[in-house]
Protein backbone atom coordinates (compact mmCIF):
# COMPACT_ATOMS: atom_id res chain seq x y z
CA MET A 1 50.03 92.68 261.32
CA ASN A 2 48.85 92.02 257.83
CA LEU A 3 49.17 92.42 254.13
CA THR A 4 46.27 93.86 252.12
CA GLU A 5 44.61 91.23 249.95
CA PHE A 6 45.34 91.01 246.24
CA ASN A 7 43.71 89.15 243.39
CA GLN A 8 45.13 85.63 243.31
CA SER A 9 45.97 85.60 239.61
CA ASP A 10 47.80 88.91 239.94
CA ARG A 11 49.75 87.49 242.86
CA CYS A 12 50.96 84.50 240.93
CA GLU A 13 52.06 86.81 238.14
CA HIS A 14 53.97 89.02 240.58
CA PHE A 15 55.55 86.24 242.62
CA SER A 16 57.16 84.00 240.08
CA CYS A 17 60.66 83.20 241.33
CA PRO A 18 63.32 85.10 239.37
CA GLU A 19 66.59 83.47 238.46
CA ARG A 20 69.55 84.58 240.52
CA SER A 21 71.57 87.17 238.58
CA VAL A 22 74.34 87.96 241.10
CA SER A 23 77.84 86.51 240.95
CA PRO A 24 78.83 83.69 243.34
CA ALA A 25 81.13 86.08 245.26
CA VAL A 26 78.31 88.59 245.86
CA TYR A 27 75.98 85.71 246.74
CA ILE A 28 78.39 84.43 249.40
CA LEU A 29 78.96 87.98 250.70
CA LEU A 30 75.21 88.48 251.13
CA TYR A 31 74.97 85.32 253.21
CA VAL A 32 78.01 86.31 255.29
CA CYS A 33 76.49 89.76 255.99
CA SER A 34 73.15 88.16 256.84
CA ALA A 35 74.85 85.78 259.27
CA ALA A 36 76.61 88.76 260.88
CA VAL A 37 73.29 90.61 261.34
CA VAL A 38 71.66 87.54 262.90
CA LEU A 39 74.69 86.97 265.16
CA LEU A 40 74.70 90.62 266.28
CA THR A 41 70.97 90.46 267.04
CA VAL A 42 71.17 87.21 268.99
CA CYS A 43 74.37 87.97 270.90
CA GLY A 44 73.49 91.62 271.62
CA ASN A 45 70.11 90.76 273.12
CA LEU A 46 71.55 87.75 274.93
CA LEU A 47 74.03 90.09 276.67
CA VAL A 48 71.12 92.32 277.77
CA ILE A 49 69.22 89.28 279.10
CA ILE A 50 72.21 87.92 281.03
CA SER A 51 73.03 91.37 282.44
CA VAL A 52 69.57 92.06 283.83
CA LEU A 53 69.07 88.51 285.12
CA HIS A 54 72.49 88.15 286.77
CA PHE A 55 73.25 91.48 288.45
CA LYS A 56 70.93 92.11 291.40
CA GLN A 57 71.38 95.88 291.14
CA LEU A 58 69.57 95.76 287.81
CA HIS A 59 66.49 94.04 289.23
CA THR A 60 64.24 97.08 288.86
CA PRO A 61 60.73 97.47 287.39
CA THR A 62 62.00 99.36 284.32
CA ASN A 63 64.73 96.79 283.64
CA THR A 64 62.10 94.04 283.84
CA LEU A 65 60.54 95.63 280.75
CA VAL A 66 63.97 95.95 279.13
CA LEU A 67 64.59 92.25 279.84
CA SER A 68 61.28 91.18 278.30
CA LEU A 69 61.83 93.37 275.23
CA ALA A 70 65.33 91.91 274.82
CA LEU A 71 63.87 88.39 275.04
CA SER A 72 61.38 89.11 272.25
CA ASP A 73 64.18 90.70 270.17
CA PHE A 74 66.38 87.64 270.82
CA LEU A 75 63.61 85.34 269.56
CA ILE A 76 63.18 87.47 266.43
CA GLY A 77 66.91 87.20 265.75
CA ALA A 78 67.05 83.47 266.44
CA LEU A 79 63.78 82.31 264.86
CA VAL A 80 62.56 84.84 262.29
CA MET A 81 65.46 86.80 260.82
CA PRO A 82 67.42 83.85 259.32
CA SER A 83 64.52 82.70 257.13
CA MET A 84 63.58 86.29 256.24
CA LEU A 85 67.14 87.02 255.07
CA ILE A 86 67.24 83.79 253.03
CA TRP A 87 63.96 84.88 251.43
CA MET A 88 65.43 88.28 250.53
CA ILE A 89 68.64 86.84 249.08
CA GLU A 90 66.90 84.11 247.08
CA SER A 91 64.02 86.45 246.04
CA CYS A 92 61.80 83.42 246.54
CA TRP A 93 60.43 81.43 249.48
CA ILE A 94 62.17 78.05 249.34
CA LEU A 95 61.47 76.70 252.84
CA GLY A 96 58.03 75.20 252.32
CA MET A 97 54.45 76.04 253.26
CA ASP A 98 54.41 74.66 256.81
CA PHE A 99 57.56 76.53 257.77
CA CYS A 100 56.13 79.69 256.17
CA ILE A 101 53.01 79.46 258.34
CA CYS A 102 55.09 78.87 261.46
CA ILE A 103 57.55 81.73 260.81
CA MET A 104 54.85 84.23 259.87
CA MET A 105 52.81 83.47 263.00
CA ILE A 106 55.89 83.75 265.22
CA GLY A 107 57.01 86.95 263.50
CA TYR A 108 53.63 88.66 263.80
CA PHE A 109 53.27 87.57 267.42
CA LEU A 110 56.73 88.86 268.39
CA THR A 111 56.19 92.16 266.54
CA SER A 112 52.87 92.84 268.27
CA LEU A 113 54.53 91.85 271.55
CA SER A 114 57.33 94.37 270.98
CA ILE A 115 54.82 97.12 270.19
CA TYR A 116 53.07 96.63 273.52
CA HIS A 117 56.40 96.39 275.33
CA ILE A 118 57.07 99.90 274.06
CA VAL A 119 53.64 100.98 275.32
CA LEU A 120 54.44 99.58 278.77
CA ILE A 121 57.80 101.36 278.76
CA ALA A 122 56.04 104.66 277.95
CA VAL A 123 53.52 104.06 280.77
CA ASP A 124 56.34 103.15 283.16
CA ARG A 125 58.33 106.33 282.41
CA TYR A 126 55.23 108.50 282.62
CA LEU A 127 54.33 107.15 286.07
CA ALA A 128 57.92 107.43 287.28
CA LEU A 129 58.18 111.08 286.24
CA SER A 130 54.65 112.29 286.99
CA ASN A 131 54.39 110.77 290.47
CA PRO A 132 57.76 109.35 291.61
CA PHE A 133 56.69 108.71 295.22
CA LEU A 134 53.63 106.71 294.15
CA TYR A 135 55.73 104.87 291.57
CA THR A 136 58.34 103.89 294.16
CA ASN A 137 55.74 102.65 296.61
CA LYS A 138 53.34 100.90 294.24
CA ILE A 139 55.37 99.65 291.26
CA SER A 140 57.58 96.74 292.29
CA VAL A 141 59.48 94.15 290.28
CA ARG A 142 56.75 91.63 291.07
CA THR A 143 54.06 94.03 289.81
CA MET A 144 56.00 94.61 286.61
CA CYS A 145 56.55 90.87 286.11
CA THR A 146 52.79 90.40 286.32
CA MET A 147 52.32 93.10 283.67
CA VAL A 148 54.94 91.49 281.42
CA PHE A 149 53.43 88.00 281.69
CA SER A 150 49.99 89.49 281.00
CA ASN A 151 51.38 91.20 277.90
CA TRP A 152 52.85 87.94 276.56
CA PHE A 153 49.62 86.04 277.28
CA ALA A 154 47.39 88.71 275.70
CA CYS A 155 49.52 88.82 272.53
CA VAL A 156 49.44 85.02 272.20
CA ILE A 157 45.65 84.94 272.60
CA TYR A 158 45.16 87.88 270.20
CA ASN A 159 47.22 86.32 267.40
CA ILE A 160 45.56 82.91 267.83
CA MET A 161 42.09 84.45 267.73
CA LEU A 162 43.01 86.64 264.75
CA GLN A 163 43.98 83.65 262.65
CA TYR A 164 41.12 81.53 263.99
CA PHE A 165 38.58 84.06 262.67
CA ASN A 166 40.55 84.66 259.48
CA ARG A 167 38.77 82.77 256.72
CA ASN A 168 41.75 83.22 254.42
CA PHE A 169 44.07 81.23 256.70
CA ARG A 170 44.05 78.33 254.21
CA ASN A 171 45.39 80.68 251.52
CA ILE A 172 48.57 81.69 253.30
CA VAL A 173 50.70 80.33 250.46
CA VAL A 174 48.88 80.58 247.14
CA CYS A 175 51.75 80.64 244.63
CA PRO A 176 55.14 78.92 244.41
CA GLY A 177 57.77 81.04 246.08
CA GLU A 178 55.31 83.17 248.07
CA CYS A 179 54.97 83.44 251.85
CA PHE A 180 52.30 85.88 253.09
CA VAL A 181 49.44 86.08 255.52
CA THR A 182 46.29 87.78 254.24
CA LEU A 183 43.37 88.99 256.33
CA SER A 184 39.81 89.87 255.44
CA ASP A 185 38.99 93.58 255.18
CA VAL A 186 37.27 93.64 258.59
CA LEU A 187 40.09 91.82 260.35
CA SER A 188 42.65 94.03 258.58
CA ALA A 189 40.94 97.14 259.97
CA ILE A 190 40.73 95.64 263.47
CA ASP A 191 44.35 94.53 263.36
CA LEU A 192 45.51 97.95 262.14
CA VAL A 193 43.80 99.65 265.09
CA ILE A 194 45.00 97.15 267.71
CA THR A 195 48.61 96.71 266.56
CA PHE A 196 49.37 100.18 265.20
CA ILE A 197 46.96 103.10 265.64
CA PHE A 198 46.03 102.56 269.31
CA PRO A 199 49.53 101.72 270.67
CA CYS A 200 51.19 104.48 268.63
CA ALA A 201 48.62 107.03 269.85
CA VAL A 202 49.27 105.99 273.47
CA ILE A 203 53.04 106.17 272.99
CA ILE A 204 52.95 109.62 271.34
CA ILE A 205 50.55 111.07 273.95
CA LEU A 206 52.54 109.71 276.90
CA TYR A 207 55.92 110.81 275.56
CA THR A 208 54.53 114.28 274.86
CA ARG A 209 53.49 114.39 278.52
CA ILE A 210 56.90 113.01 279.56
CA PHE A 211 58.67 115.74 277.58
CA MET A 212 56.61 118.43 279.31
CA ILE A 213 57.26 116.95 282.77
CA ALA A 214 60.97 116.63 282.02
CA LYS A 215 61.11 120.33 281.13
CA LYS A 216 59.50 121.19 284.47
CA HIS A 217 62.00 118.96 286.26
CA ALA A 218 64.90 120.64 284.46
CA THR A 219 63.64 124.05 285.58
CA ALA A 220 63.23 122.81 289.15
CA ILE A 221 66.75 121.35 289.17
CA ARG A 222 68.24 124.63 287.95
CA GLU A 223 66.44 126.49 290.72
CA LEU A 224 67.73 124.03 293.31
CA ASN A 225 71.26 124.37 291.99
CA ASN A 226 71.11 128.16 292.39
CA HIS A 227 70.56 127.92 296.13
CA THR A 228 72.23 126.24 299.08
CA ARG A 229 70.03 123.29 299.85
CA PRO A 230 69.83 120.56 302.49
CA LYS A 231 70.77 116.96 301.84
CA THR A 232 67.19 115.83 301.13
CA GLN A 233 66.91 118.34 298.29
CA LYS A 234 70.18 117.05 296.80
CA ILE A 235 68.78 113.53 296.84
CA THR A 236 65.57 114.76 295.19
CA SER A 237 67.57 116.60 292.53
CA HIS A 238 69.69 113.50 291.79
CA SER A 239 66.57 111.31 291.59
CA MET A 240 64.90 113.74 289.17
CA LYS A 241 68.01 113.77 286.96
CA SER A 242 68.12 109.96 286.93
CA GLU A 243 64.47 109.68 285.93
CA ARG A 244 64.90 112.30 283.18
CA LYS A 245 67.94 110.47 281.79
CA ALA A 246 66.07 107.15 281.81
CA ALA A 247 63.13 108.78 280.03
CA LYS A 248 65.50 110.31 277.44
CA VAL A 249 67.22 107.00 276.62
CA LEU A 250 63.97 105.08 276.46
CA GLY A 251 62.53 107.90 274.35
CA ILE A 252 65.32 107.24 271.82
CA LEU A 253 64.47 103.53 271.96
CA VAL A 254 60.80 104.30 271.28
CA SER A 255 61.60 106.74 268.45
CA VAL A 256 63.82 104.23 266.66
CA PHE A 257 61.15 101.56 267.04
CA LEU A 258 58.47 103.80 265.52
CA LEU A 259 60.78 104.69 262.62
CA CYS A 260 61.27 100.98 261.88
CA LEU A 261 57.58 100.21 262.33
CA LEU A 262 56.03 103.05 260.34
CA PRO A 263 57.18 102.18 256.77
CA TYR A 264 55.78 98.64 256.98
CA PHE A 265 52.37 99.76 258.19
CA ILE A 266 52.15 102.59 255.65
CA TYR A 267 52.96 100.12 252.87
CA SER A 268 50.39 97.62 254.16
CA LEU A 269 47.77 100.34 254.58
CA LEU A 270 48.27 101.70 251.05
CA GLY A 271 48.51 98.28 249.41
CA ASP A 272 45.42 98.95 247.27
CA LEU A 273 46.75 102.30 246.05
CA ILE A 274 50.34 101.46 245.15
CA ALA A 275 51.83 98.75 242.98
CA PHE A 276 52.75 95.80 245.17
CA GLN A 277 56.31 94.55 244.77
CA LEU A 278 57.73 91.53 246.57
CA ALA A 279 61.21 93.07 246.96
CA SER A 280 59.80 96.22 248.58
CA PHE A 281 57.68 94.22 251.01
CA GLN A 282 60.67 92.05 251.99
CA LYS A 283 62.84 95.10 252.64
CA LEU A 284 60.19 96.75 254.81
CA MET A 285 59.78 93.58 256.86
CA PHE A 286 63.55 93.42 257.25
CA VAL A 287 63.62 97.05 258.49
CA LEU A 288 60.87 96.15 260.95
CA TYR A 289 62.88 93.22 262.32
CA LEU A 290 66.16 95.17 262.18
CA ASN A 291 64.92 97.12 265.19
CA SER A 292 65.76 94.03 267.24
CA THR A 293 69.39 94.44 266.15
CA ILE A 294 69.47 98.18 266.90
CA ASN A 295 68.11 98.01 270.46
CA PRO A 296 71.25 96.49 272.08
CA VAL A 297 73.36 99.09 270.23
CA ILE A 298 71.25 101.83 271.84
CA TYR A 299 71.84 100.27 275.26
CA ALA A 300 75.59 100.12 274.59
CA LEU A 301 75.70 103.78 273.48
CA PHE A 302 73.59 105.29 276.26
CA TYR A 303 73.72 102.91 279.25
CA PRO A 304 77.08 102.84 281.10
CA TRP A 305 75.78 99.94 283.20
CA PHE A 306 75.33 97.82 280.07
CA ARG A 307 78.92 98.46 278.95
CA ARG A 308 80.19 97.47 282.42
CA CYS A 309 78.06 94.32 282.36
CA VAL A 310 79.34 93.32 278.93
CA LYS A 311 82.94 93.65 280.14
CA LEU A 312 82.19 91.50 283.19
CA ILE A 313 80.39 88.88 281.09
CA LEU A 314 83.04 88.66 278.36
CA SER A 315 85.85 88.50 280.95
CA LEU A 316 83.93 85.66 282.69
CA HIS A 317 83.76 87.58 285.98
CA ILE A 318 80.11 86.53 286.34
CA PHE A 319 81.27 83.01 287.23
CA LYS A 320 83.07 84.26 290.35
CA THR A 321 81.51 84.03 293.79
CA ASP A 322 79.12 86.87 294.65
CA SER A 323 79.53 88.38 291.16
CA ALA A 324 75.79 89.12 291.15
CA LEU A 325 76.41 91.70 293.89
CA ILE A 326 78.96 93.69 291.85
CA LYS A 327 77.96 97.34 291.57
CA VAL A 328 77.33 98.18 287.92
CA VAL A 329 75.25 101.38 288.21
């Protein structure tokens, strides 16, 4: 995750802090709206985390990925979004160099982590649809936990190594009011491939395959429905429908993520060809992080189990004895 390098003198010319021109009422409204976005992000993802952790029926391999993605989204909402929104409202970085370095490193780590969560979700859905019997027998919650921990560890190591080899690390903040991370041309190319081109190619290829498999399943289900069939075929038909629905919802999740991700990377990639503007860059970063707010909304719209869990959590039913065994699916 990077910003294309610019001449330092041009930067300082671009990034002088403008005086605030909005009225006090608008200024307060902007902060209230920002607080609402942060609260929605934190609380929405916290509800997903509590739901998957508490209710035993939700302890599945796919939901392990959903849990880990929600945790990374929760951390973005709690740690990164507040300072990013302050930066947007003030049109100037006012929180100091050390905090800038910390927030940028955390933000880039969590974004790369989310990208590879989406890759794992695509792999998980492809395996579940292409070979459901193998998936059921081989992919367990423990196996998926190992994959999730490996993903977190790999992203931590990658981001540490990226900045270790980045000779421009000392120039993270080069002008008053600026907060950016710049990479050398070689590292920028490597980072673009690792955090955008490769994962996006894998996601698109796998979801194209998933779409084709889902069409075959739909045809098979229609054929089964046209004939009297034994109980085992009914179970197979129900299982196929469940897997297709899961793939559809997670496909929406992936599509929204790519829509939020794409503008930032296009802007970073074309930084040498288009006029760089601080306000535009801030907005694109905000859209990128806004995906963390949207994900729980997608769960609420398309997952009945999530809506049931939210009702049980808000009504404090989860504190009752054996509440973890309540059927939510």
